[in-house]
């Protein structure tokens, strides 16, 4: 199963996204569910880096994706639009591929 977790900080602002696993809806390289999620997450990363000019942290490896952005960028409308759109689209895809993709929305533990 592919799990995509969108986290919010203590002020309920989107702060990071993590994806692990595989949807296993096809052969490697031909899995439409994994490809859709991967494309959305990569587009969000590109939007944050190139359009919003935000310094993001994270990594992208086969079956493992992590992306976070700094607290000072979280209130910006452009940043929110980019990540909230990706979150909404992934939530909708997960509802179409139940059992293959799990969408999780949570809040970071208080520090």
Protein backbone atom coordinates (compact mmCIF):
# COMPACT_ATOMS: atom_id res chain seq x y z
CA UNK A 1 0.00 0.00 0.00
CA UNK A 2 1.07 3.56 -0.74
CA UNK A 3 0.58 5.92 2.21
CA UNK A 4 0.62 9.68 1.69
CA UNK A 5 0.68 11.74 4.87
CA UNK A 6 0.08 15.49 4.89
CA UNK A 7 1.12 17.13 8.14
CA UNK A 8 0.08 20.37 9.71
CA UNK A 9 1.97 22.32 12.33
CA UNK A 10 0.55 23.35 15.70
CA UNK A 11 -1.19 26.28 13.97
CA UNK A 12 -2.86 23.87 11.50
CA UNK A 13 -0.79 25.11 8.55
CA UNK A 14 0.36 22.55 6.00
CA UNK A 15 4.00 21.88 6.82
CA UNK A 16 5.15 18.67 5.14
CA UNK A 17 4.20 15.65 3.09
CA UNK A 18 5.55 12.10 3.23
CA UNK A 19 4.82 9.17 0.93
CA UNK A 20 5.98 5.59 1.43
CA UNK A 21 5.28 2.28 -0.22
CA UNK A 22 3.69 1.28 -3.51
CA UNK A 23 0.08 1.10 -4.67
CA UNK A 24 0.77 -2.25 -6.41
CA UNK A 25 -1.84 -1.62 -9.10
CA UNK A 26 0.46 -2.71 -11.92
CA UNK A 27 3.95 -3.75 -12.88
CA UNK A 28 6.78 -1.49 -11.72
CA UNK A 29 6.82 1.54 -14.01
CA UNK A 30 3.25 0.88 -15.16
CA UNK A 31 1.31 1.49 -11.96
CA UNK A 32 -1.13 4.29 -12.77
CA UNK A 33 -2.00 4.97 -9.11
CA UNK A 34 1.65 5.36 -8.07
CA UNK A 35 2.36 7.44 -11.17
CA UNK A 36 -0.50 9.82 -10.40
CA UNK A 37 0.63 10.37 -6.81
CA UNK A 38 4.25 10.71 -7.84
CA UNK A 39 3.39 13.29 -10.52
CA UNK A 40 1.34 15.35 -8.07
CA UNK A 41 4.05 15.32 -5.40
CA UNK A 42 6.77 16.20 -7.89
CA UNK A 43 4.62 19.03 -9.28
CA UNK A 44 4.09 20.38 -5.75
CA UNK A 45 7.83 20.23 -5.11
CA UNK A 46 8.57 22.03 -8.39
CA UNK A 47 5.91 24.64 -7.64
CA UNK A 48 7.33 25.35 -4.23
CA UNK A 49 10.92 25.53 -5.48
CA UNK A 50 10.50 27.23 -8.84
CA UNK A 51 7.28 29.25 -8.66
CA UNK A 52 7.07 30.17 -4.97
CA UNK A 53 10.88 30.27 -4.60
CA UNK A 54 10.72 28.40 -1.26
CA UNK A 55 13.73 26.51 0.06
CA UNK A 56 12.31 23.07 0.71
CA UNK A 57 13.93 20.08 2.37
CA UNK A 58 13.38 16.43 1.67
CA UNK A 59 14.24 13.54 -0.57
CA UNK A 60 12.82 11.48 -3.40
CA UNK A 61 13.71 7.81 -3.74
CA UNK A 62 11.91 4.81 -5.11
CA UNK A 63 8.99 4.18 -2.75
CA UNK A 64 9.93 7.04 -0.41
CA UNK A 65 9.24 10.77 -0.69
CA UNK A 66 9.56 13.53 1.90
CA UNK A 67 9.05 17.25 1.52
CA UNK A 68 8.86 20.04 4.10
CA UNK A 69 8.91 23.80 3.88
CA UNK A 70 9.92 26.45 6.42
CA UNK A 71 7.47 27.90 8.94
CA UNK A 72 7.91 31.42 7.57
CA UNK A 73 6.50 30.32 4.18
CA UNK A 74 3.43 28.49 5.52
CA UNK A 75 1.13 31.54 5.68
CA UNK A 76 1.83 32.56 2.09
CA UNK A 77 -1.15 32.18 -0.24
CA UNK A 78 0.95 30.77 -3.09
CA UNK A 79 2.53 28.12 -0.87
CA UNK A 80 -0.83 27.14 0.57
CA UNK A 81 -2.40 26.93 -2.89
CA UNK A 82 0.34 24.65 -4.20
CA UNK A 83 0.32 22.16 -1.34
CA UNK A 84 -3.43 22.27 -0.65
CA UNK A 85 -4.13 21.50 -4.32
CA UNK A 86 -1.77 18.52 -4.21
CA UNK A 87 -3.39 17.34 -0.99
CA UNK A 88 -6.91 17.60 -2.41
CA UNK A 89 -5.96 15.75 -5.59
CA UNK A 90 -4.23 12.95 -3.67
CA UNK A 91 -7.19 12.64 -1.31
CA UNK A 92 -9.46 12.20 -4.34
CA UNK A 93 -7.17 9.64 -5.96
CA UNK A 94 -6.95 7.71 -2.68
CA UNK A 95 -10.75 7.52 -2.56
CA UNK A 96 -10.71 5.95 -6.04
CA UNK A 97 -7.98 3.44 -5.15
CA UNK A 98 -9.07 2.31 -1.69
CA UNK A 99 -6.84 -0.45 -0.46
CA UNK A 100 -3.99 0.74 -2.67
CA UNK A 101 -3.49 4.33 -1.53
CA UNK A 102 -4.00 5.61 1.99
CA UNK A 103 -4.35 9.37 2.52
CA UNK A 104 -3.57 10.61 6.04
CA UNK A 105 -4.00 14.12 7.43
CA UNK A 106 -2.37 14.79 10.78
CA UNK A 107 -0.81 17.38 13.04
CA UNK A 108 2.83 17.43 14.05
CA UNK A 109 3.47 16.69 17.71
CA UNK A 110 4.03 19.79 19.82
CA UNK A 111 7.70 20.54 20.35
